[in-house]
């Protein structure tokens, strides 16, 4: 199985040993961040630092002035890695070590955008804005995300891209100092808390014969037992229908799927138009349940594989979790990459990677993605190298 590890440019720039260390793991590819959200990241092996604080969502290359001139929504430049174009510098170093490079592009996840342009954010049924979650139904947001996808994906030296959060973002967010776990929310309640009621979404609901005020009232009514502590943590789409009622649930999803598909189709087409050569591979981080939000956006498997070249699917966890995400893609044409967390301190299991990858392969996965070689400890990386040796038959 072809294997790729995720990296940030700051894992490579300034560390003369980084590329060789990655190549020695036995991977063929690096998925390198070109547009990323805010984060605080450990750099355990870098000779010059231990922590990088990316203070806001930003691009890790110089954006094209001609593309963005005069536009209100435009990408922010980073200031925490030295150099004019840290993405290009890191990509060149990795290529010199014999590694393929794909760009890693985070789209609808941007807290600074929401802070500076609050009207672009998802608005829940209670009127609260989610500044980290741009509403993809808004024409200006969609135009910004499509152009960002094209520019950030087709970087010089990249032979493909992986688009993360290319769809709806919602309530769930790894926010600094989160204080939202006092009430248990199943993924059905998370869906209800992720429904948007901005002006564009209200008009969109009406376009599919759904009264937005009725939907808003239904969401608030359905969630009252959750806030009171008397409701159960409903799971799955059946749980959404139980909480909201099948009619409201299905109509809300119909609108959201329509919007997400439009963004995904436009983003993939824009990337292909911008790609430097034919064969540029476009993958989406995805989940086979269309109602899901977040980094791995909900998609219909057949549709997304007719749009993009493939998907990257979250496969960390037990066998049942892998079966749930991989089985819906069985028999479909396209790249199916199983994404495994290999950082023990973040819930990964590098010690079982060989076994877990074999299980994913038995379910139809043809490639591996390993999150995240820059964040992993030395023992975690050693375990990854051992597992890849087993997977290669070495």
Protein backbone atom coordinates (compact mmCIF):
# COMPACT_ATOMS: atom_id res chain seq x y z
CA UNK A 1 0.00 0.00 0.00
CA UNK A 2 1.27 3.43 -0.86
CA UNK A 3 1.81 5.41 2.33
CA UNK A 4 1.95 9.15 2.96
CA UNK A 5 2.63 11.09 6.15
CA UNK A 6 1.25 14.50 7.03
CA UNK A 7 3.73 17.30 7.74
CA UNK A 8 3.78 21.04 8.28
CA UNK A 9 6.39 23.13 6.47
CA UNK A 10 7.84 24.11 9.85
CA UNK A 11 8.66 20.45 10.50
CA UNK A 12 11.08 20.58 7.57
CA UNK A 13 12.34 24.16 7.21
CA UNK A 14 15.42 24.59 9.36
CA UNK A 15 15.85 20.88 10.09
CA UNK A 16 18.46 19.35 7.76
CA UNK A 17 17.61 15.82 8.94
CA UNK A 18 13.83 15.98 8.52
CA UNK A 19 13.49 14.79 4.94
CA UNK A 20 15.90 11.89 5.38
CA UNK A 21 14.17 10.81 8.57
CA UNK A 22 10.81 10.73 6.77
CA UNK A 23 12.19 8.87 3.77
CA UNK A 24 13.72 6.23 6.05
CA UNK A 25 10.27 5.43 7.42
CA UNK A 26 9.45 3.78 4.11
CA UNK A 27 6.78 6.19 2.89
CA UNK A 28 6.54 7.30 -0.71
CA UNK A 29 4.77 10.60 -0.18
CA UNK A 30 4.33 13.57 2.13
CA UNK A 31 1.04 15.46 2.43
CA UNK A 32 2.33 18.96 3.20
CA UNK A 33 0.18 21.76 4.60
CA UNK A 34 -0.18 24.75 2.28
CA UNK A 35 -3.28 26.30 3.89
CA UNK A 36 -4.00 25.49 7.51
CA UNK A 37 -6.05 26.57 10.52
CA UNK A 38 -4.71 27.99 13.78
CA UNK A 39 -2.84 25.51 15.95
CA UNK A 40 -0.18 25.05 18.60
CA UNK A 41 2.18 22.29 17.48
CA UNK A 42 5.04 20.45 19.08
CA UNK A 43 8.23 20.00 17.06
CA UNK A 44 10.02 17.33 19.13
CA UNK A 45 13.02 16.83 16.83
CA UNK A 46 13.59 20.27 15.33
CA UNK A 47 17.08 21.61 16.13
CA UNK A 48 15.88 25.17 16.63
CA UNK A 49 12.50 25.05 18.37
CA UNK A 50 10.00 22.93 20.28
CA UNK A 51 6.73 24.81 19.78
CA UNK A 52 5.15 26.54 16.81
CA UNK A 53 2.10 28.72 17.47
CA UNK A 54 0.14 29.33 14.29
CA UNK A 55 -1.98 32.18 15.58
CA UNK A 56 -4.62 32.12 12.86
CA UNK A 57 -5.65 30.29 9.72
CA UNK A 58 -3.19 31.16 6.98
CA UNK A 59 -1.51 30.12 3.76
CA UNK A 60 2.08 28.97 3.97
CA UNK A 61 3.09 30.52 0.63
CA UNK A 62 2.80 34.04 -0.83
CA UNK A 63 -0.77 34.43 -2.19
CA UNK A 64 -1.18 35.79 -5.69
CA UNK A 65 -1.96 39.54 -5.46
CA UNK A 66 -3.73 39.48 -8.80
CA UNK A 67 -6.16 36.82 -7.67
CA UNK A 68 -7.11 38.58 -4.44
CA UNK A 69 -6.80 42.28 -5.21
CA UNK A 70 -9.87 44.23 -4.13
CA UNK A 71 -11.59 41.25 -2.51
CA UNK A 72 -12.94 41.45 1.01
CA UNK A 73 -12.45 37.74 1.71
CA UNK A 74 -8.86 36.75 1.06
CA UNK A 75 -6.29 34.42 2.64
CA UNK A 76 -4.10 35.56 5.49
CA UNK A 77 -0.33 35.17 5.30
CA UNK A 78 1.57 33.34 7.99
CA UNK A 79 4.33 34.97 10.07
CA UNK A 80 5.58 32.07 12.22
CA UNK A 81 7.91 30.31 9.76
CA UNK A 82 10.92 32.13 8.37
CA UNK A 83 11.12 32.71 4.63
CA UNK A 84 8.98 34.05 1.84
CA UNK A 85 7.54 30.67 0.83
CA UNK A 86 8.01 27.98 3.51
CA UNK A 87 5.74 25.58 1.63
CA UNK A 88 7.91 25.69 -1.49
CA UNK A 89 11.10 25.42 0.54
CA UNK A 90 9.86 22.36 2.41
CA UNK A 91 8.44 20.77 -0.75
CA UNK A 92 11.77 21.16 -2.54
CA UNK A 93 13.70 19.58 0.33
CA UNK A 94 11.30 16.63 0.46
CA UNK A 95 11.43 16.14 -3.31
CA UNK A 96 15.24 16.10 -3.19
CA UNK A 97 14.94 13.21 -0.73
CA UNK A 98 12.93 11.24 -3.30
CA UNK A 99 9.50 11.87 -1.80
CA UNK A 100 6.37 12.81 -3.74
CA UNK A 101 4.55 15.83 -2.37
CA UNK A 102 0.82 16.48 -2.19
CA UNK A 103 -0.54 19.76 -0.85
CA UNK A 104 -2.81 19.68 2.19
CA UNK A 105 -5.48 22.37 2.03
CA UNK A 106 -7.86 23.23 4.89
CA UNK A 107 -10.86 25.15 3.57
CA UNK A 108 -14.03 25.80 5.64
CA UNK A 109 -12.28 26.14 9.01
CA UNK A 110 -11.04 29.63 9.74
CA UNK A 111 -11.55 31.43 13.07
CA UNK A 112 -9.89 34.66 11.98
CA UNK A 113 -12.21 34.94 8.99
CA UNK A 114 -15.19 34.62 11.31
CA UNK A 115 -13.77 37.10 13.80
CA UNK A 116 -13.10 39.78 11.20
CA UNK A 117 -16.16 39.04 9.06
CA UNK A 118 -18.78 37.69 11.48
CA UNK A 119 -21.54 37.68 8.87
CA UNK A 120 -19.73 34.85 7.06
CA UNK A 121 -20.13 32.38 9.94
CA UNK A 122 -22.58 29.56 10.58
CA UNK A 123 -25.42 30.73 12.89
CA UNK A 124 -27.11 28.07 15.01
CA UNK A 125 -30.77 27.81 15.97
CA UNK A 126 -30.18 29.97 19.05
CA UNK A 127 -28.55 32.81 17.09
CA UNK A 128 -24.99 31.97 18.19
CA UNK A 129 -22.28 32.38 15.57
CA UNK A 130 -19.48 29.87 15.05
CA UNK A 131 -16.54 32.02 13.95
CA UNK A 132 -14.47 28.94 13.11
CA UNK A 133 -17.10 27.72 10.63
CA UNK A 134 -17.67 29.74 7.43
CA UNK A 135 -21.13 29.17 6.00
CA UNK A 136 -20.56 27.53 2.64
CA UNK A 137 -24.05 28.50 1.42
CA UNK A 138 -23.02 32.14 1.17
CA UNK A 139 -21.90 33.03 -2.38
CA UNK A 140 -18.95 35.16 -1.22
CA UNK A 141 -17.71 32.40 1.08
CA UNK A 142 -18.02 29.78 -1.62
CA UNK A 143 -16.16 31.96 -4.13
CA UNK A 144 -13.37 32.53 -1.61
CA UNK A 145 -13.07 28.82 -0.78
CA UNK A 146 -13.04 27.74 -4.43
CA UNK A 147 -10.27 30.20 -5.30
CA UNK A 148 -8.33 29.26 -2.17
CA UNK A 149 -8.59 25.59 -3.13
CA UNK A 150 -7.22 26.28 -6.60
CA UNK A 151 -4.34 28.44 -5.41
CA UNK A 152 -3.31 26.43 -2.35
CA UNK A 153 -3.64 23.03 -4.03
CA UNK A 154 -1.71 23.57 -7.24
CA UNK A 155 1.56 24.65 -5.65
CA UNK A 156 4.80 24.18 -7.62
CA UNK A 157 6.19 20.71 -7.05
CA UNK A 158 2.92 19.16 -5.90
CA UNK A 159 1.64 16.16 -7.85
CA UNK A 160 -1.73 16.16 -6.10
CA UNK A 161 -3.73 17.62 -3.26
CA UNK A 162 -5.92 16.65 -0.33
CA UNK A 163 -8.78 19.01 0.50
CA UNK A 164 -9.86 18.99 4.14
CA UNK A 165 -13.14 20.48 5.41
CA UNK A 166 -14.42 20.95 1.86
CA UNK A 167 -18.02 21.10 3.02
CA UNK A 168 -19.98 22.00 6.12
CA UNK A 169 -18.23 22.77 9.38
CA UNK A 170 -20.35 22.97 12.51
CA UNK A 171 -20.51 22.78 16.28
CA UNK A 172 -17.58 20.41 16.89
CA UNK A 173 -14.27 22.23 17.03
CA UNK A 174 -10.99 21.55 18.80
CA UNK A 175 -11.10 25.02 20.29
CA UNK A 176 -8.57 26.37 22.77
CA UNK A 177 -9.81 25.87 26.34
CA UNK A 178 -13.05 24.21 25.20
CA UNK A 179 -15.74 24.08 27.88
CA UNK A 180 -18.52 22.27 26.02
CA UNK A 181 -18.44 18.75 27.43
CA UNK A 182 -20.67 19.37 30.44
CA UNK A 183 -23.64 18.06 28.46
CA UNK A 184 -23.21 14.90 26.41
CA UNK A 185 -24.11 15.51 22.77
CA UNK A 186 -24.51 12.52 20.51
CA UNK A 187 -23.79 13.05 16.85
CA UNK A 188 -27.51 13.57 16.22
CA UNK A 189 -27.57 16.56 18.59
CA UNK A 190 -24.31 17.75 17.03
CA UNK A 191 -26.06 17.80 13.65
CA UNK A 192 -28.87 19.92 15.07
CA UNK A 193 -26.34 22.28 16.66
CA UNK A 194 -24.57 22.54 13.29
CA UNK A 195 -27.58 23.59 11.23
CA UNK A 196 -27.12 27.13 9.96
CA UNK A 197 -29.78 29.86 10.07
CA UNK A 198 -27.98 32.73 8.36
CA UNK A 199 -29.99 34.64 5.75
CA UNK A 200 -28.68 32.50 2.87
CA UNK A 201 -29.49 29.24 4.62
CA UNK A 202 -32.95 30.44 5.60
CA UNK A 203 -33.60 31.23 1.93
CA UNK A 204 -32.18 27.85 0.99
CA UNK A 205 -34.51 25.98 3.32
CA UNK A 206 -37.43 27.84 1.83
CA UNK A 207 -36.25 26.80 -1.65
CA UNK A 208 -36.70 23.14 -0.69
CA UNK A 209 -40.17 23.87 0.78
CA UNK A 210 -38.94 23.94 4.37
CA UNK A 211 -40.10 26.77 6.63
CA UNK A 212 -36.89 28.01 8.32
CA UNK A 213 -38.82 29.21 11.39
CA UNK A 214 -40.46 25.81 11.74
CA UNK A 215 -37.04 24.14 11.46
CA UNK A 216 -35.50 26.49 14.00
CA UNK A 217 -38.31 25.88 16.45
CA UNK A 218 -38.05 22.13 15.85
CA UNK A 219 -34.32 22.13 16.59
CA UNK A 220 -34.77 24.07 19.83
CA UNK A 221 -37.65 21.85 20.91
CA UNK A 222 -35.71 18.67 20.12
CA UNK A 223 -32.69 19.83 22.12
CA UNK A 224 -34.57 20.86 25.29
CA UNK A 225 -34.30 17.36 26.84
CA UNK A 226 -30.57 17.37 26.06
CA UNK A 227 -30.01 20.62 27.98
CA UNK A 228 -32.23 19.38 30.82
CA UNK A 229 -30.21 16.19 31.12
CA UNK A 230 -33.22 13.98 30.44
CA UNK A 231 -32.47 13.19 26.79
CA UNK A 232 -30.29 10.37 25.50
CA UNK A 233 -27.22 10.89 23.36
CA UNK A 234 -28.81 9.83 20.08
CA UNK A 235 -26.49 8.58 17.37
CA UNK A 236 -26.68 8.29 13.60
CA UNK A 237 -29.18 9.60 11.11
CA UNK A 238 -31.93 7.58 12.77
CA UNK A 239 -31.17 9.59 15.90
CA UNK A 240 -31.53 12.86 13.98
CA UNK A 241 -34.92 11.76 12.65
CA UNK A 242 -35.98 10.71 16.15
CA UNK A 243 -35.05 14.09 17.62
CA UNK A 244 -36.27 16.33 14.81
CA UNK A 245 -38.83 14.25 12.96
CA UNK A 246 -38.19 12.61 9.60
CA UNK A 247 -39.78 15.37 7.51
CA UNK A 248 -37.76 18.25 8.93
CA UNK A 249 -34.60 16.16 9.11
CA UNK A 250 -34.73 14.99 5.52
CA UNK A 251 -35.55 18.45 4.14
CA UNK A 252 -32.71 20.07 6.06
CA UNK A 253 -30.25 17.47 4.81
CA UNK A 254 -31.47 17.85 1.23
CA UNK A 255 -30.52 21.54 1.29
CA UNK A 256 -27.17 20.94 2.97
CA UNK A 257 -26.17 18.13 0.59
CA UNK A 258 -27.03 20.35 -2.38
CA UNK A 259 -24.80 23.13 -1.05
CA UNK A 260 -21.90 20.85 -0.12
CA UNK A 261 -21.95 19.11 -3.50
CA UNK A 262 -21.88 22.45 -5.26
CA UNK A 263 -18.80 23.53 -3.31
CA UNK A 264 -17.03 20.22 -3.81
CA UNK A 265 -17.70 20.10 -7.54
CA UNK A 266 -16.59 23.71 -8.00
CA UNK A 267 -13.47 23.31 -5.85
CA UNK A 268 -12.33 20.14 -7.61
CA UNK A 269 -12.92 21.70 -11.04
CA UNK A 270 -10.98 24.83 -10.05
CA UNK A 271 -8.05 22.76 -8.78
CA UNK A 272 -7.94 20.76 -11.98
CA UNK A 273 -8.02 23.94 -14.05
CA UNK A 274 -5.11 25.34 -12.02
CA UNK A 275 -3.09 22.13 -11.97
CA UNK A 276 0.26 22.41 -13.76
CA UNK A 277 -0.12 19.12 -15.64
CA UNK A 278 -2.64 16.35 -16.37
CA UNK A 279 -2.91 13.63 -13.76
CA UNK A 280 -2.86 15.99 -10.79
CA UNK A 281 -4.68 13.96 -8.14
CA UNK A 282 -7.49 15.53 -6.11
CA UNK A 283 -8.64 13.76 -2.93
CA UNK A 284 -11.14 14.88 -0.29
CA UNK A 285 -11.07 14.14 3.43
CA UNK A 286 -14.51 12.61 3.79
CA UNK A 287 -17.03 10.61 5.77
CA UNK A 288 -19.66 8.40 4.10
CA UNK A 289 -22.49 9.78 6.28
CA UNK A 290 -23.77 12.87 4.41
CA UNK A 291 -24.96 14.65 7.58
CA UNK A 292 -21.51 14.72 9.21
CA UNK A 293 -19.61 18.00 9.57
CA UNK A 294 -15.99 18.91 10.26
CA UNK A 295 -12.60 18.10 8.80
CA UNK A 296 -13.93 14.88 7.26
CA UNK A 297 -17.03 16.21 5.55
CA UNK A 298 -20.12 14.14 4.98
CA UNK A 299 -20.45 12.92 1.40
CA UNK A 300 -22.32 10.40 -0.68
CA UNK A 301 -19.61 7.86 -1.68
CA UNK A 302 -20.75 7.39 -5.27
CA UNK A 303 -21.09 11.12 -5.88
CA UNK A 304 -17.78 12.14 -4.37
CA UNK A 305 -15.88 9.46 -6.31
CA UNK A 306 -17.53 10.70 -9.50
CA UNK A 307 -16.30 14.20 -8.64
CA UNK A 308 -12.83 13.75 -7.13
CA UNK A 309 -10.12 11.16 -7.72
CA UNK A 310 -10.57 9.67 -4.27
CA UNK A 311 -11.12 10.08 -0.57
CA UNK A 312 -9.13 10.06 2.65
CA UNK A 313 -11.17 8.38 5.38
CA UNK A 314 -10.73 8.43 9.19
CA UNK A 315 -9.78 4.87 10.18
CA UNK A 316 -8.34 5.23 13.68
CA UNK A 317 -10.16 3.04 16.20
CA UNK A 318 -11.49 -0.47 16.26
CA UNK A 319 -12.56 -2.73 13.44
CA UNK A 320 -16.17 -1.54 13.60
CA UNK A 321 -15.13 2.09 13.08
CA UNK A 322 -13.13 1.18 9.98
CA UNK A 323 -15.91 -0.97 8.61
CA UNK A 324 -18.37 1.89 9.01
CA UNK A 325 -16.34 4.32 6.90
CA UNK A 326 -14.75 1.96 4.36
CA UNK A 327 -17.57 -0.45 3.48
CA UNK A 328 -19.72 2.17 1.69
CA UNK A 329 -16.89 2.67 -0.83
CA UNK A 330 -16.54 -1.02 -1.67
CA UNK A 331 -16.72 -1.65 -5.39
CA UNK A 332 -16.52 2.02 -6.34
CA UNK A 333 -13.79 3.32 -8.63
CA UNK A 334 -11.29 5.75 -7.12
CA UNK A 335 -8.52 6.11 -4.57
CA UNK A 336 -9.55 5.08 -1.06
CA UNK A 337 -6.92 6.06 1.50
CA UNK A 338 -7.21 4.95 5.13
CA UNK A 339 -6.09 7.69 7.50
CA UNK A 340 -4.55 6.51 10.79
CA UNK A 341 -3.50 8.63 13.75
CA UNK A 342 0.00 7.42 14.71
CA UNK A 343 0.57 9.81 17.63
CA UNK A 344 0.02 7.82 20.82
CA UNK A 345 -0.46 10.94 22.93
CA UNK A 346 -3.29 12.05 20.64
CA UNK A 347 -5.14 8.74 20.68
CA UNK A 348 -3.23 6.98 17.91
CA UNK A 349 -2.00 3.40 17.94
CA UNK A 350 1.21 3.07 15.92
CA UNK A 351 1.96 -0.27 17.60
CA UNK A 352 -1.06 -1.85 15.85
CA UNK A 353 -0.62 -0.06 12.51
CA UNK A 354 0.40 -3.15 10.51
CA UNK A 355 -2.61 -5.10 11.71
CA UNK A 356 -5.00 -2.17 11.33
CA UNK A 357 -3.72 -1.36 7.83
CA UNK A 358 -4.23 -4.98 6.78
CA UNK A 359 -7.79 -4.80 8.04
CA UNK A 360 -8.35 -1.57 6.09
CA UNK A 361 -6.92 -3.19 2.96
CA UNK A 362 -9.32 -6.11 3.34
CA UNK A 363 -12.15 -3.57 3.26
CA UNK A 364 -10.91 -1.96 0.04
CA UNK A 365 -8.43 0.71 1.14
CA UNK A 366 -5.57 0.98 -1.34
CA UNK A 367 -3.43 3.66 0.33
CA UNK A 368 -2.43 4.84 3.80
CA UNK A 369 -2.30 8.31 5.35
CA UNK A 370 -0.45 8.68 8.63
CA UNK A 371 -1.18 11.59 10.95
CA UNK A 372 1.26 13.12 11.84
CA UNK A 373 4.98 12.53 11.37
CA UNK A 374 5.96 15.94 12.69
CA UNK A 375 3.98 15.58 15.91
CA UNK A 376 4.87 11.96 16.68
CA UNK A 377 7.43 10.96 19.30
CA UNK A 378 10.59 9.05 18.41
CA UNK A 379 9.13 5.72 19.62
CA UNK A 380 5.95 6.37 17.62
CA UNK A 381 7.98 6.96 14.46
CA UNK A 382 10.01 3.80 15.10
CA UNK A 383 6.75 1.85 15.40
CA UNK A 384 5.54 3.37 12.13
CA UNK A 385 8.76 2.36 10.37
CA UNK A 386 8.45 -1.19 11.70
CA UNK A 387 4.81 -1.41 10.60
CA UNK A 388 5.56 -0.14 7.10
CA UNK A 389 8.34 -2.70 6.80
CA UNK A 390 5.83 -5.42 7.61
CA UNK A 391 3.26 -3.98 5.19
CA UNK A 392 5.89 -3.94 2.41
CA UNK A 393 6.85 -7.51 3.25
CA UNK A 394 10.32 -6.48 4.43
